[in-house]
């Protein structure tokens, strides 16, 4: 988690993207070098273009309210810390947005 994702992305692009790009070039297709780390629809094309990576890993989960109605104070479930008031889901629209944005980076 970062306070300013846009600024964090620029930091990664300045440092990590160059390193990742060197690894992608050095691998020459012999192994897959996967880009990961806060990759979303808003930045996936830039990450792929700058690094040359062909695959990504992204945790696209969004917190939503838990449908659980009864909670026992000794039974931890749901979110970290046992609050149980939320769960994480990956929506098809989120995946579709990342795929569409990534397609813009491919030749």
C-alpha atoms as a PDB file:
ATOM      1  CA  UNK A   1       0.000   0.000   0.000  1.00  0.00           C
ATOM      2  CA  UNK A   2       1.249   3.455  -0.870  1.00  0.00           C
ATOM      3  CA  UNK A   3      -0.168   6.905  -0.203  1.00  0.00           C
ATOM      4  CA  UNK A   4       0.317   8.113  -3.773  1.00  0.00           C
ATOM      5  CA  UNK A   5       0.082   5.288  -6.350  1.00  0.00           C
ATOM      6  CA  UNK A   6       0.906   7.575  -9.286  1.00  0.00           C
ATOM      7  CA  UNK A   7       4.093   8.745  -7.624  1.00  0.00           C
ATOM      8  CA  UNK A   8       4.970   5.182  -6.640  1.00  0.00           C
ATOM      9  CA  UNK A   9       4.505   4.059 -10.225  1.00  0.00           C
ATOM     10  CA  UNK A  10       6.927   6.715 -11.404  1.00  0.00           C
ATOM     11  CA  UNK A  11       9.471   5.532  -8.828  1.00  0.00           C
ATOM     12  CA  UNK A  12       9.106   1.962 -10.087  1.00  0.00           C
ATOM     13  CA  UNK A  13       9.336   3.028 -13.701  1.00  0.00           C
ATOM     14  CA  UNK A  14      12.507   4.966 -12.930  1.00  0.00           C
ATOM     15  CA  UNK A  15      14.177   2.114 -11.085  1.00  0.00           C
ATOM     16  CA  UNK A  16      12.431  -1.243 -11.222  1.00  0.00           C
ATOM     17  CA  UNK A  17      11.219  -0.963 -14.803  1.00  0.00           C
ATOM     18  CA  UNK A  18      14.758  -0.492 -16.080  1.00  0.00           C
ATOM     19  CA  UNK A  19      15.956  -3.499 -14.105  1.00  0.00           C
ATOM     20  CA  UNK A  20      13.009  -5.592 -15.280  1.00  0.00           C
ATOM     21  CA  UNK A  21      13.594  -4.532 -18.877  1.00  0.00           C
ATOM     22  CA  UNK A  22      17.229  -5.672 -18.643  1.00  0.00           C
ATOM     23  CA  UNK A  23      16.102  -9.055 -17.305  1.00  0.00           C
ATOM     24  CA  UNK A  24      13.532  -9.446 -20.081  1.00  0.00           C
ATOM     25  CA  UNK A  25      16.173  -8.686 -22.727  1.00  0.00           C
ATOM     26  CA  UNK A  26      18.756 -10.981 -21.093  1.00  0.00           C
ATOM     27  CA  UNK A  27      16.294 -13.869 -20.898  1.00  0.00           C
ATOM     28  CA  UNK A  28      15.836 -13.690 -24.678  1.00  0.00           C
ATOM     29  CA  UNK A  29      12.593 -15.615 -24.379  1.00  0.00           C
ATOM     30  CA  UNK A  30      14.229 -18.598 -22.645  1.00  0.00           C
ATOM     31  CA  UNK A  31      12.169 -17.987 -19.514  1.00  0.00           C
ATOM     32  CA  UNK A  32       9.163 -15.801 -18.724  1.00  0.00           C
ATOM     33  CA  UNK A  33       9.865 -12.633 -16.793  1.00  0.00           C
ATOM     34  CA  UNK A  34       6.571 -11.541 -15.258  1.00  0.00           C
ATOM     35  CA  UNK A  35       5.867  -7.968 -14.229  1.00  0.00           C
ATOM     36  CA  UNK A  36       3.953  -7.568 -10.987  1.00  0.00           C
ATOM     37  CA  UNK A  37       3.206  -5.077  -8.258  1.00  0.00           C
ATOM     38  CA  UNK A  38       0.180  -2.759  -8.234  1.00  0.00           C
ATOM     39  CA  UNK A  39      -0.517  -3.329 -11.923  1.00  0.00           C
ATOM     40  CA  UNK A  40      -3.933  -2.014 -12.893  1.00  0.00           C
ATOM     41  CA  UNK A  41      -5.761  -0.965 -16.061  1.00  0.00           C
ATOM     42  CA  UNK A  42      -4.409   2.564 -15.647  1.00  0.00           C
ATOM     43  CA  UNK A  43      -0.740   1.513 -15.793  1.00  0.00           C
ATOM     44  CA  UNK A  44      -0.487  -1.927 -17.404  1.00  0.00           C
ATOM     45  CA  UNK A  45       0.226  -0.646 -20.930  1.00  0.00           C
ATOM     46  CA  UNK A  46       3.037   1.590 -19.709  1.00  0.00           C
ATOM     47  CA  UNK A  47       4.563  -1.201 -17.623  1.00  0.00           C
ATOM     48  CA  UNK A  48       4.490  -3.636 -20.553  1.00  0.00           C
ATOM     49  CA  UNK A  49       5.900  -1.084 -23.003  1.00  0.00           C
ATOM     50  CA  UNK A  50       8.713   0.053 -20.715  1.00  0.00           C
ATOM     51  CA  UNK A  51       9.769  -3.417 -19.585  1.00  0.00           C
ATOM     52  CA  UNK A  52       9.107  -5.573 -22.628  1.00  0.00           C
ATOM     53  CA  UNK A  53       7.433  -8.103 -20.328  1.00  0.00           C
ATOM     54  CA  UNK A  54       4.759 -10.221 -22.012  1.00  0.00           C
ATOM     55  CA  UNK A  55       3.026 -11.448 -18.846  1.00  0.00           C
ATOM     56  CA  UNK A  56       1.812  -9.779 -15.671  1.00  0.00           C
ATOM     57  CA  UNK A  57       0.571 -10.755 -12.247  1.00  0.00           C
ATOM     58  CA  UNK A  58      -1.955  -8.484 -10.628  1.00  0.00           C
ATOM     59  CA  UNK A  59      -4.093  -8.831  -7.526  1.00  0.00           C
ATOM     60  CA  UNK A  60      -7.276  -7.268  -8.844  1.00  0.00           C
ATOM     61  CA  UNK A  61      -9.300  -7.970  -5.727  1.00  0.00           C
ATOM     62  CA  UNK A  62     -11.676  -5.313  -4.472  1.00  0.00           C
ATOM     63  CA  UNK A  63     -12.953  -5.258  -0.881  1.00  0.00           C
ATOM     64  CA  UNK A  64     -16.725  -5.657  -0.576  1.00  0.00           C
ATOM     65  CA  UNK A  65     -19.023  -5.982   2.395  1.00  0.00           C
ATOM     66  CA  UNK A  66     -19.345  -9.502   3.729  1.00  0.00           C
ATOM     67  CA  UNK A  67     -22.781 -11.100   3.425  1.00  0.00           C
ATOM     68  CA  UNK A  68     -22.296 -12.713   6.849  1.00  0.00           C
ATOM     69  CA  UNK A  69     -25.011 -11.602   9.267  1.00  0.00           C
ATOM     70  CA  UNK A  70     -23.997 -13.362  12.491  1.00  0.00           C
ATOM     71  CA  UNK A  71     -20.524 -12.879  13.910  1.00  0.00           C
ATOM     72  CA  UNK A  72     -19.172 -14.539  16.998  1.00  0.00           C
ATOM     73  CA  UNK A  73     -16.479 -12.458  18.679  1.00  0.00           C
ATOM     74  CA  UNK A  74     -14.143 -15.472  18.992  1.00  0.00           C
ATOM     75  CA  UNK A  75     -14.462 -16.651  15.390  1.00  0.00           C
ATOM     76  CA  UNK A  76     -12.213 -14.601  13.130  1.00  0.00           C
ATOM     77  CA  UNK A  77     -13.117 -14.528   9.471  1.00  0.00           C
ATOM     78  CA  UNK A  78     -12.957 -12.215   6.520  1.00  0.00           C
ATOM     79  CA  UNK A  79     -10.452  -9.410   6.611  1.00  0.00           C
ATOM     80  CA  UNK A  80      -7.081  -9.338   8.309  1.00  0.00           C
ATOM     81  CA  UNK A  81      -7.537  -8.888  12.020  1.00  0.00           C
ATOM     82  CA  UNK A  82     -10.698 -10.938  12.088  1.00  0.00           C
ATOM     83  CA  UNK A  83     -13.171  -8.097  11.606  1.00  0.00           C
ATOM     84  CA  UNK A  84     -15.154 -10.272   9.216  1.00  0.00           C
ATOM     85  CA  UNK A  85     -16.921  -7.275   7.759  1.00  0.00           C
ATOM     86  CA  UNK A  86     -15.393  -7.514   4.314  1.00  0.00           C
ATOM     87  CA  UNK A  87     -14.200  -9.966   1.733  1.00  0.00           C
ATOM     88  CA  UNK A  88     -12.312  -9.563  -1.517  1.00  0.00           C
ATOM     89  CA  UNK A  89     -13.641 -10.323  -4.967  1.00  0.00           C
ATOM     90  CA  UNK A  90     -12.316 -10.022  -8.503  1.00  0.00           C
ATOM     91  CA  UNK A  91     -14.940  -8.722 -10.871  1.00  0.00           C
ATOM     92  CA  UNK A  92     -14.991  -9.670 -14.552  1.00  0.00           C
ATOM     93  CA  UNK A  93     -15.172  -5.995 -15.515  1.00  0.00           C
ATOM     94  CA  UNK A  94     -11.886  -5.333 -13.698  1.00  0.00           C
ATOM     95  CA  UNK A  95     -10.164  -8.200 -15.498  1.00  0.00           C
ATOM     96  CA  UNK A  96     -11.608  -7.074 -18.839  1.00  0.00           C
ATOM     97  CA  UNK A  97     -10.325  -3.528 -18.271  1.00  0.00           C
ATOM     98  CA  UNK A  98      -6.786  -4.756 -17.561  1.00  0.00           C
ATOM     99  CA  UNK A  99      -6.832  -7.057 -20.606  1.00  0.00           C
ATOM    100  CA  UNK A 100      -8.099  -4.272 -22.862  1.00  0.00           C
ATOM    101  CA  UNK A 101      -5.462  -1.863 -21.589  1.00  0.00           C
ATOM    102  CA  UNK A 102      -2.723  -4.492 -21.944  1.00  0.00           C
ATOM    103  CA  UNK A 103      -3.763  -5.147 -25.535  1.00  0.00           C
ATOM    104  CA  UNK A 104      -2.871  -1.534 -26.350  1.00  0.00           C
ATOM    105  CA  UNK A 105       0.747  -2.279 -25.411  1.00  0.00           C
ATOM    106  CA  UNK A 106       1.153  -5.245 -27.735  1.00  0.00           C
ATOM    107  CA  UNK A 107       2.491  -4.723 -31.241  1.00  0.00           C
END
